């Protein structure tokens, strides 16, 4: 994965989460989420300064993505409110 900081404030990555979740189908449908185990994390940056881009690797246990589900990977800022969420394209 690659993180880029386009803001004027440094970003300190905190918690990393990966999960499978159902796609949003409409207003009245509930969403289900299944958390995935992170087996290994490599090259997680300590800090992202403004305008900086860094790459890192997340290793997940073996899984398949069912129809109408997507992979969600999120990075939350340490001691902050900002977070980044990435959804896989649906197939």
PDB file of N, CA and C in Angstrom:
ATOM      1  N   UNK A   1       0.850  -1.171   0.000  1.00  0.00           N
ATOM      2  CA  UNK A   1       0.000   0.000   0.000  1.00  0.00           C
ATOM      3  C   UNK A   1       0.892   1.229   0.000  1.00  0.00           C
ATOM      4  N   UNK A   2       0.289   2.331  -0.352  1.00  0.00           N
ATOM      5  CA  UNK A   2       1.022   3.583  -0.398  1.00  0.00           C
ATOM      6  C   UNK A   2       0.191   4.658   0.296  1.00  0.00           C
ATOM      7  N   UNK A   3       0.808   5.385   1.203  1.00  0.00           N
ATOM      8  CA  UNK A   3       0.159   6.495   1.901  1.00  0.00           C
ATOM      9  C   UNK A   3       0.768   7.800   1.426  1.00  0.00           C
ATOM     10  N   UNK A   4      -0.078   8.772   1.134  1.00  0.00           N
ATOM     11  CA  UNK A   4       0.374  10.104   0.749  1.00  0.00           C
ATOM     12  C   UNK A   4      -0.292  11.119   1.656  1.00  0.00           C
ATOM     13  N   UNK A   5       0.461  12.113   2.084  1.00  0.00           N
ATOM     14  CA  UNK A   5      -0.069  13.160   2.945  1.00  0.00           C
ATOM     15  C   UNK A   5      -0.102  14.464   2.155  1.00  0.00           C
ATOM     16  N   UNK A   6      -1.297  14.868   1.732  1.00  0.00           N
ATOM     17  CA  UNK A   6      -1.458  16.099   0.968  1.00  0.00           C
ATOM     18  C   UNK A   6      -1.842  17.283   1.852  1.00  0.00           C
ATOM     19  N   UNK A   7      -2.019  17.047   3.143  1.00  0.00           N
ATOM     20  CA  UNK A   7      -2.386  18.140   4.043  1.00  0.00           C
ATOM     21  C   UNK A   7      -1.126  18.885   4.490  1.00  0.00           C
ATOM     22  N   UNK A   8      -1.328  19.944   5.246  1.00  0.00           N
ATOM     23  CA  UNK A   8      -0.202  20.731   5.754  1.00  0.00           C
ATOM     24  C   UNK A   8       0.163  20.348   7.176  1.00  0.00           C
ATOM     25  N   UNK A   9      -0.418  19.237   7.658  1.00  0.00           N
ATOM     26  CA  UNK A   9      -0.174  18.756   9.016  1.00  0.00           C
ATOM     27  C   UNK A   9       0.389  17.344   8.922  1.00  0.00           C
ATOM     28  N   UNK A  10       1.390  17.039   9.732  1.00  0.00           N
ATOM     29  CA  UNK A  10       1.973  15.696   9.727  1.00  0.00           C
ATOM     30  C   UNK A  10       0.946  14.660  10.165  1.00  0.00           C
ATOM     31  N   UNK A  11       1.080  13.447   9.630  1.00  0.00           N
ATOM     32  CA  UNK A  11       0.177  12.338   9.945  1.00  0.00           C
ATOM     33  C   UNK A  11       0.992  11.232  10.591  1.00  0.00           C
ATOM     34  N   UNK A  12       0.596  10.828  11.805  1.00  0.00           N
ATOM     35  CA  UNK A  12       1.281   9.749  12.520  1.00  0.00           C
ATOM     36  C   UNK A  12       0.354   8.538  12.505  1.00  0.00           C
ATOM     37  N   UNK A  13       0.680   7.497  11.708  1.00  0.00           N
ATOM     38  CA  UNK A  13      -0.195   6.322  11.642  1.00  0.00           C
ATOM     39  C   UNK A  13      -0.304   5.628  12.989  1.00  0.00           C
ATOM     40  N   UNK A  14      -1.500   5.181  13.299  1.00  0.00           N
ATOM     41  CA  UNK A  14      -1.748   4.464  14.544  1.00  0.00           C
ATOM     42  C   UNK A  14      -2.244   3.066  14.256  1.00  0.00           C
ATOM     43  N   UNK A  15      -3.525   2.824  14.501  1.00  0.00           N
ATOM     44  CA  UNK A  15      -4.113   1.497  14.309  1.00  0.00           C
ATOM     45  C   UNK A  15      -4.355   1.193  12.839  1.00  0.00           C
ATOM     46  N   UNK A  16      -4.070  -0.045  12.460  1.00  0.00           N
ATOM     47  CA  UNK A  16      -4.354  -0.552  11.119  1.00  0.00           C
ATOM     48  C   UNK A  16      -5.395  -1.653  11.241  1.00  0.00           C
ATOM     49  N   UNK A  17      -6.427  -1.603  10.406  1.00  0.00           N
ATOM     50  CA  UNK A  17      -7.488  -2.606  10.435  1.00  0.00           C
ATOM     51  C   UNK A  17      -7.760  -3.079   9.017  1.00  0.00           C
ATOM     52  N   UNK A  18      -8.083  -4.361   8.887  1.00  0.00           N
ATOM     53  CA  UNK A  18      -8.523  -4.917   7.607  1.00  0.00           C
ATOM     54  C   UNK A  18      -9.780  -5.730   7.867  1.00  0.00           C
ATOM     55  N   UNK A  19     -10.759  -5.583   6.990  1.00  0.00           N
ATOM     56  CA  UNK A  19     -12.010  -6.319   7.164  1.00  0.00           C
ATOM     57  C   UNK A  19     -12.691  -6.525   5.823  1.00  0.00           C
ATOM     58  N   UNK A  20     -13.574  -7.496   5.798  1.00  0.00           N
ATOM     59  CA  UNK A  20     -14.477  -7.697   4.671  1.00  0.00           C
ATOM     60  C   UNK A  20     -15.821  -7.135   5.081  1.00  0.00           C
ATOM     61  N   UNK A  21     -16.479  -6.415   4.173  1.00  0.00           N
ATOM     62  CA  UNK A  21     -17.794  -5.879   4.500  1.00  0.00           C
ATOM     63  C   UNK A  21     -18.683  -5.917   3.269  1.00  0.00           C
ATOM     64  N   UNK A  22     -19.984  -5.946   3.517  1.00  0.00           N
ATOM     65  CA  UNK A  22     -20.931  -5.966   2.409  1.00  0.00           C
ATOM     66  C   UNK A  22     -20.964  -4.593   1.761  1.00  0.00           C
ATOM     67  N   UNK A  23     -21.225  -4.595   0.456  1.00  0.00           N
ATOM     68  CA  UNK A  23     -21.369  -3.330  -0.247  1.00  0.00           C
ATOM     69  C   UNK A  23     -22.674  -2.685   0.169  1.00  0.00           C
ATOM     70  N   UNK A  24     -22.737  -1.378   0.099  1.00  0.00           N
ATOM     71  CA  UNK A  24     -23.976  -0.675   0.420  1.00  0.00           C
ATOM     72  C   UNK A  24     -24.980  -0.944  -0.694  1.00  0.00           C
ATOM     73  N   UNK A  25     -26.095  -1.545  -0.340  1.00  0.00           N
ATOM     74  CA  UNK A  25     -27.106  -1.924  -1.320  1.00  0.00           C
ATOM     75  C   UNK A  25     -28.215  -0.882  -1.439  1.00  0.00           C
ATOM     76  N   UNK A  26     -28.480  -0.179  -0.394  1.00  0.00           N
ATOM     77  CA  UNK A  26     -29.559   0.805  -0.412  1.00  0.00           C
ATOM     78  C   UNK A  26     -29.741   1.395   0.968  1.00  0.00           C
ATOM     79  N   UNK A  27     -30.794   2.172   1.125  1.00  0.00           N
ATOM     80  CA  UNK A  27     -31.021   2.862   2.389  1.00  0.00           C
ATOM     81  C   UNK A  27     -31.281   1.920   3.556  1.00  0.00           C
ATOM     82  N   UNK A  28     -32.089   0.916   3.352  1.00  0.00           N
ATOM     83  CA  UNK A  28     -32.583   0.129   4.478  1.00  0.00           C
ATOM     84  C   UNK A  28     -31.878  -1.204   4.665  1.00  0.00           C
ATOM     85  N   UNK A  29     -30.733  -1.366   4.073  1.00  0.00           N
ATOM     86  CA  UNK A  29     -30.007  -2.626   4.222  1.00  0.00           C
ATOM     87  C   UNK A  29     -28.942  -2.485   5.299  1.00  0.00           C
ATOM     88  N   UNK A  30     -28.790  -3.528   6.080  1.00  0.00           N
ATOM     89  CA  UNK A  30     -27.757  -3.506   7.109  1.00  0.00           C
ATOM     90  C   UNK A  30     -26.418  -3.898   6.490  1.00  0.00           C
ATOM     91  N   UNK A  31     -25.351  -3.495   7.144  1.00  0.00           N
ATOM     92  CA  UNK A  31     -24.013  -3.806   6.664  1.00  0.00           C
ATOM     93  C   UNK A  31     -23.379  -4.813   7.617  1.00  0.00           C
ATOM     94  N   UNK A  32     -22.732  -5.812   7.063  1.00  0.00           N
ATOM     95  CA  UNK A  32     -22.030  -6.794   7.877  1.00  0.00           C
ATOM     96  C   UNK A  32     -20.535  -6.589   7.694  1.00  0.00           C
ATOM     97  N   UNK A  33     -19.789  -6.874   8.742  1.00  0.00           N
ATOM     98  CA  UNK A  33     -18.337  -6.709   8.692  1.00  0.00           C
ATOM     99  C   UNK A  33     -17.682  -7.909   9.350  1.00  0.00           C
ATOM    100  N   UNK A  34     -16.634  -8.413   8.707  1.00  0.00           N
ATOM    101  CA  UNK A  34     -15.864  -9.529   9.242  1.00  0.00           C
ATOM    102  C   UNK A  34     -14.405  -9.091   9.307  1.00  0.00           C
ATOM    103  N   UNK A  35     -13.856  -8.985  10.508  1.00  0.00           N
ATOM    104  CA  UNK A  35     -12.473  -8.547  10.677  1.00  0.00           C
ATOM    105  C   UNK A  35     -11.500  -9.624  10.223  1.00  0.00           C
ATOM    106  N   UNK A  36     -10.394  -9.187   9.629  1.00  0.00           N
ATOM    107  CA  UNK A  36      -9.343 -10.091   9.167  1.00  0.00           C
ATOM    108  C   UNK A  36      -8.107  -9.905  10.036  1.00  0.00           C
ATOM    109  N   UNK A  37      -7.360 -10.977  10.222  1.00  0.00           N
ATOM    110  CA  UNK A  37      -6.141 -10.914  11.026  1.00  0.00           C
ATOM    111  C   UNK A  37      -4.979 -10.390  10.195  1.00  0.00           C
ATOM    112  N   UNK A  38      -4.269  -9.417  10.744  1.00  0.00           N
ATOM    113  CA  UNK A  38      -3.036  -8.950  10.124  1.00  0.00           C
ATOM    114  C   UNK A  38      -1.918  -9.874  10.584  1.00  0.00           C
ATOM    115  N   UNK A  39      -1.345 -10.631   9.654  1.00  0.00           N
ATOM    116  CA  UNK A  39      -0.293 -11.577   9.990  1.00  0.00           C
ATOM    117  C   UNK A  39       1.028 -10.849  10.200  1.00  0.00           C
ATOM    118  N   UNK A  40       1.306  -9.871   9.324  1.00  0.00           N
ATOM    119  CA  UNK A  40       2.576  -9.162   9.413  1.00  0.00           C
ATOM    120  C   UNK A  40       2.441  -7.767   8.825  1.00  0.00           C
ATOM    121  N   UNK A  41       3.202  -6.830   9.380  1.00  0.00           N
ATOM    122  CA  UNK A  41       3.251  -5.453   8.885  1.00  0.00           C
ATOM    123  C   UNK A  41       4.713  -5.099   8.656  1.00  0.00           C
ATOM    124  N   UNK A  42       5.020  -4.553   7.487  1.00  0.00           N
ATOM    125  CA  UNK A  42       6.404  -4.193   7.182  1.00  0.00           C
ATOM    126  C   UNK A  42       6.483  -2.750   6.701  1.00  0.00           C
ATOM    127  N   UNK A  43       7.519  -2.053   7.125  1.00  0.00           N
ATOM    128  CA  UNK A  43       7.826  -0.688   6.685  1.00  0.00           C
ATOM    129  C   UNK A  43       6.710   0.310   6.987  1.00  0.00           C
ATOM    130  N   UNK A  44       6.023   0.139   8.111  1.00  0.00           N
ATOM    131  CA  UNK A  44       4.997   1.107   8.509  1.00  0.00           C
ATOM    132  C   UNK A  44       5.716   2.401   8.893  1.00  0.00           C
ATOM    133  N   UNK A  45       5.381   3.529   8.263  1.00  0.00           N
ATOM    134  CA  UNK A  45       6.089   4.772   8.572  1.00  0.00           C
ATOM    135  C   UNK A  45       5.758   5.273   9.982  1.00  0.00           C
ATOM    136  N   UNK A  46       6.739   5.866  10.635  1.00  0.00           N
ATOM    137  CA  UNK A  46       6.519   6.460  11.953  1.00  0.00           C
ATOM    138  C   UNK A  46       5.745   7.766  11.840  1.00  0.00           C
ATOM    139  N   UNK A  47       6.041   8.531  10.786  1.00  0.00           N
ATOM    140  CA  UNK A  47       5.386   9.821  10.572  1.00  0.00           C
ATOM    141  C   UNK A  47       5.379  10.124   9.075  1.00  0.00           C
ATOM    142  N   UNK A  48       4.311  10.759   8.628  1.00  0.00           N
ATOM    143  CA  UNK A  48       4.222  11.238   7.253  1.00  0.00           C
ATOM    144  C   UNK A  48       4.192  12.755   7.300  1.00  0.00           C
ATOM    145  N   UNK A  49       5.227  13.371   6.841  1.00  0.00           N
ATOM    146  CA  UNK A  49       5.297  14.826   6.825  1.00  0.00           C
ATOM    147  C   UNK A  49       4.467  15.367   5.646  1.00  0.00           C
ATOM    148  N   UNK A  50       4.108  16.641   5.665  1.00  0.00           N
ATOM    149  CA  UNK A  50       3.305  17.206   4.573  1.00  0.00           C
ATOM    150  C   UNK A  50       3.974  16.999   3.211  1.00  0.00           C
ATOM    151  N   UNK A  51       3.199  16.516   2.246  1.00  0.00           N
ATOM    152  CA  UNK A  51       3.693  16.294   0.895  1.00  0.00           C
ATOM    153  C   UNK A  51       4.496  15.019   0.711  1.00  0.00           C
ATOM    154  N   UNK A  52       4.556  14.175   1.718  1.00  0.00           N
ATOM    155  CA  UNK A  52       5.374  12.970   1.665  1.00  0.00           C
ATOM    156  C   UNK A  52       4.524  11.758   1.278  1.00  0.00           C
ATOM    157  N   UNK A  53       5.148  10.799   0.593  1.00  0.00           N
ATOM    158  CA  UNK A  53       4.498   9.546   0.215  1.00  0.00           C
ATOM    159  C   UNK A  53       5.385   8.392   0.638  1.00  0.00           C
ATOM    160  N   UNK A  54       4.795   7.393   1.290  1.00  0.00           N
ATOM    161  CA  UNK A  54       5.564   6.224   1.736  1.00  0.00           C
ATOM    162  C   UNK A  54       4.778   4.958   1.427  1.00  0.00           C
ATOM    163  N   UNK A  55       5.528   3.877   1.173  1.00  0.00           N
ATOM    164  CA  UNK A  55       4.925   2.570   0.906  1.00  0.00           C
ATOM    165  C   UNK A  55       5.160   1.639   2.075  1.00  0.00           C
ATOM    166  N   UNK A  56       4.193   0.735   2.284  1.00  0.00           N
ATOM    167  CA  UNK A  56       4.336  -0.276   3.320  1.00  0.00           C
ATOM    168  C   UNK A  56       3.597  -1.531   2.881  1.00  0.00           C
ATOM    169  N   UNK A  57       3.816  -2.616   3.618  1.00  0.00           N
ATOM    170  CA  UNK A  57       3.242  -3.914   3.251  1.00  0.00           C
ATOM    171  C   UNK A  57       2.420  -4.453   4.412  1.00  0.00           C
ATOM    172  N   UNK A  58       1.224  -4.945   4.113  1.00  0.00           N
ATOM    173  CA  UNK A  58       0.379  -5.639   5.082  1.00  0.00           C
ATOM    174  C   UNK A  58       0.168  -7.059   4.579  1.00  0.00           C
ATOM    175  N   UNK A  59       0.387  -8.039   5.449  1.00  0.00           N
ATOM    176  CA  UNK A  59       0.151  -9.426   5.079  1.00  0.00           C
ATOM    177  C   UNK A  59      -1.051  -9.931   5.867  1.00  0.00           C
ATOM    178  N   UNK A  60      -2.033 -10.452   5.135  1.00  0.00           N
ATOM    179  CA  UNK A  60      -3.252 -10.969   5.743  1.00  0.00           C
ATOM    180  C   UNK A  60      -3.276 -12.483   5.607  1.00  0.00           C
ATOM    181  N   UNK A  61      -4.009 -13.138   6.507  1.00  0.00           N
ATOM    182  CA  UNK A  61      -4.188 -14.578   6.361  1.00  0.00           C
ATOM    183  C   UNK A  61      -5.019 -14.841   5.097  1.00  0.00           C
ATOM    184  N   UNK A  62      -4.958 -16.052   4.603  1.00  0.00           N
ATOM    185  CA  UNK A  62      -5.618 -16.417   3.355  1.00  0.00           C
ATOM    186  C   UNK A  62      -7.136 -16.247   3.481  1.00  0.00           C
ATOM    187  N   UNK A  63      -7.748 -15.612   2.464  1.00  0.00           N
ATOM    188  CA  UNK A  63      -9.189 -15.394   2.477  1.00  0.00           C
ATOM    189  C   UNK A  63      -9.686 -15.227   1.046  1.00  0.00           C
ATOM    190  N   UNK A  64     -10.983 -15.314   0.864  1.00  0.00           N
ATOM    191  CA  UNK A  64     -11.615 -15.024  -0.423  1.00  0.00           C
ATOM    192  C   UNK A  64     -12.650 -13.933  -0.207  1.00  0.00           C
ATOM    193  N   UNK A  65     -12.890 -13.172  -1.256  1.00  0.00           N
ATOM    194  CA  UNK A  65     -13.882 -12.101  -1.182  1.00  0.00           C
ATOM    195  C   UNK A  65     -15.149 -12.585  -1.883  1.00  0.00           C
ATOM    196  N   UNK A  66     -16.228 -12.812  -1.128  1.00  0.00           N
ATOM    197  CA  UNK A  66     -17.478 -13.274  -1.741  1.00  0.00           C
ATOM    198  C   UNK A  66     -18.104 -12.192  -2.624  1.00  0.00           C
ATOM    199  N   UNK A  67     -19.079 -12.608  -3.429  1.00  0.00           N
ATOM    200  CA  UNK A  67     -19.821 -11.637  -4.235  1.00  0.00           C
ATOM    201  C   UNK A  67     -20.514 -10.640  -3.311  1.00  0.00           C
ATOM    202  N   UNK A  68     -20.612  -9.423  -3.756  1.00  0.00           N
ATOM    203  CA  UNK A  68     -21.272  -8.330  -3.033  1.00  0.00           C
ATOM    204  C   UNK A  68     -20.558  -7.955  -1.734  1.00  0.00           C
ATOM    205  N   UNK A  69     -19.296  -8.327  -1.608  1.00  0.00           N
ATOM    206  CA  UNK A  69     -18.474  -7.931  -0.468  1.00  0.00           C
ATOM    207  C   UNK A  69     -17.249  -7.190  -0.998  1.00  0.00           C
ATOM    208  N   UNK A  70     -16.647  -6.348  -0.167  1.00  0.00           N
ATOM    209  CA  UNK A  70     -15.434  -5.619  -0.533  1.00  0.00           C
ATOM    210  C   UNK A  70     -14.419  -5.717   0.606  1.00  0.00           C
ATOM    211  N   UNK A  71     -13.159  -5.534   0.275  1.00  0.00           N
ATOM    212  CA  UNK A  71     -12.089  -5.500   1.268  1.00  0.00           C
ATOM    213  C   UNK A  71     -11.900  -4.059   1.708  1.00  0.00           C
ATOM    214  N   UNK A  72     -11.891  -3.824   3.003  1.00  0.00           N
ATOM    215  CA  UNK A  72     -11.716  -2.490   3.571  1.00  0.00           C
ATOM    216  C   UNK A  72     -10.449  -2.481   4.415  1.00  0.00           C
ATOM    217  N   UNK A  73      -9.508  -1.594   4.087  1.00  0.00           N
ATOM    218  CA  UNK A  73      -8.294  -1.414   4.884  1.00  0.00           C
ATOM    219  C   UNK A  73      -8.309   0.017   5.388  1.00  0.00           C
ATOM    220  N   UNK A  74      -8.167   0.204   6.701  1.00  0.00           N
ATOM    221  CA  UNK A  74      -8.205   1.552   7.259  1.00  0.00           C
ATOM    222  C   UNK A  74      -6.999   1.803   8.160  1.00  0.00           C
ATOM    223  N   UNK A  75      -6.533   3.044   8.116  1.00  0.00           N
ATOM    224  CA  UNK A  75      -5.419   3.504   8.945  1.00  0.00           C
ATOM    225  C   UNK A  75      -5.929   4.683   9.752  1.00  0.00           C
ATOM    226  N   UNK A  76      -5.834   4.595  11.072  1.00  0.00           N
ATOM    227  CA  UNK A  76      -6.267   5.686  11.938  1.00  0.00           C
ATOM    228  C   UNK A  76      -5.041   6.428  12.455  1.00  0.00           C
ATOM    229  N   UNK A  77      -5.205   7.719  12.637  1.00  0.00           N
ATOM    230  CA  UNK A  77      -4.116   8.537  13.155  1.00  0.00           C
ATOM    231  C   UNK A  77      -3.952   8.293  14.652  1.00  0.00           C
ATOM    232  N   UNK A  78      -2.702   8.230  15.091  1.00  0.00           N
ATOM    233  CA  UNK A  78      -2.417   8.054  16.513  1.00  0.00           C
ATOM    234  C   UNK A  78      -2.749   9.352  17.243  1.00  0.00           C
ATOM    235  N   UNK A  79      -3.544   9.262  18.299  1.00  0.00           N
ATOM    236  CA  UNK A  79      -3.962  10.418  19.105  1.00  0.00           C
ATOM    237  C   UNK A  79      -4.618  11.505  18.255  1.00  0.00           C
ATOM    238  N   UNK A  80      -5.378  11.118  17.258  1.00  0.00           N
ATOM    239  CA  UNK A  80      -6.030  12.102  16.403  1.00  0.00           C
ATOM    240  C   UNK A  80      -7.350  11.582  15.878  1.00  0.00           C
ATOM    241  N   UNK A  81      -8.008  12.399  15.083  1.00  0.00           N
ATOM    242  CA  UNK A  81      -9.323  12.036  14.563  1.00  0.00           C
ATOM    243  C   UNK A  81      -9.291  11.659  13.090  1.00  0.00           C
ATOM    244  N   UNK A  82      -8.197  11.905  12.418  1.00  0.00           N
ATOM    245  CA  UNK A  82      -8.150  11.601  10.987  1.00  0.00           C
ATOM    246  C   UNK A  82      -7.964  10.108  10.760  1.00  0.00           C
ATOM    247  N   UNK A  83      -8.571   9.615   9.711  1.00  0.00           N
ATOM    248  CA  UNK A  83      -8.384   8.223   9.327  1.00  0.00           C
ATOM    249  C   UNK A  83      -8.495   8.102   7.809  1.00  0.00           C
ATOM    250  N   UNK A  84      -7.905   7.059   7.297  1.00  0.00           N
ATOM    251  CA  UNK A  84      -7.918   6.796   5.873  1.00  0.00           C
ATOM    252  C   UNK A  84      -8.515   5.423   5.650  1.00  0.00           C
ATOM    253  N   UNK A  85      -9.465   5.317   4.770  1.00  0.00           N
ATOM    254  CA  UNK A  85     -10.079   4.032   4.451  1.00  0.00           C
ATOM    255  C   UNK A  85      -9.968   3.750   2.968  1.00  0.00           C
ATOM    256  N   UNK A  86      -9.608   2.526   2.622  1.00  0.00           N
ATOM    257  CA  UNK A  86      -9.468   2.120   1.230  1.00  0.00           C
ATOM    258  C   UNK A  86     -10.363   0.915   0.999  1.00  0.00           C
ATOM    259  N   UNK A  87     -11.218   0.992  -0.002  1.00  0.00           N
ATOM    260  CA  UNK A  87     -12.079  -0.128  -0.363  1.00  0.00           C
ATOM    261  C   UNK A  87     -11.570  -0.739  -1.657  1.00  0.00           C
ATOM    262  N   UNK A  88     -11.570  -2.068  -1.715  1.00  0.00           N
ATOM    263  CA  UNK A  88     -11.175  -2.743  -2.949  1.00  0.00           C
ATOM    264  C   UNK A  88     -12.276  -2.565  -3.984  1.00  0.00           C
ATOM    265  N   UNK A  89     -11.925  -2.621  -5.254  1.00  0.00           N
ATOM    266  CA  UNK A  89     -12.979  -2.553  -6.271  1.00  0.00           C
ATOM    267  C   UNK A  89     -13.842  -3.803  -6.216  1.00  0.00           C
ATOM    268  N   UNK A  90     -15.090  -3.657  -6.537  1.00  0.00           N
ATOM    269  CA  UNK A  90     -15.990  -4.815  -6.522  1.00  0.00           C
ATOM    270  C   UNK A  90     -15.878  -5.544  -7.849  1.00  0.00           C
ATOM    271  N   UNK A  91     -15.960  -6.854  -7.781  1.00  0.00           N
ATOM    272  CA  UNK A  91     -15.821  -7.671  -8.991  1.00  0.00           C
ATOM    273  C   UNK A  91     -17.143  -8.287  -9.351  1.00  0.00           C
TER     274      UNK A  91
END
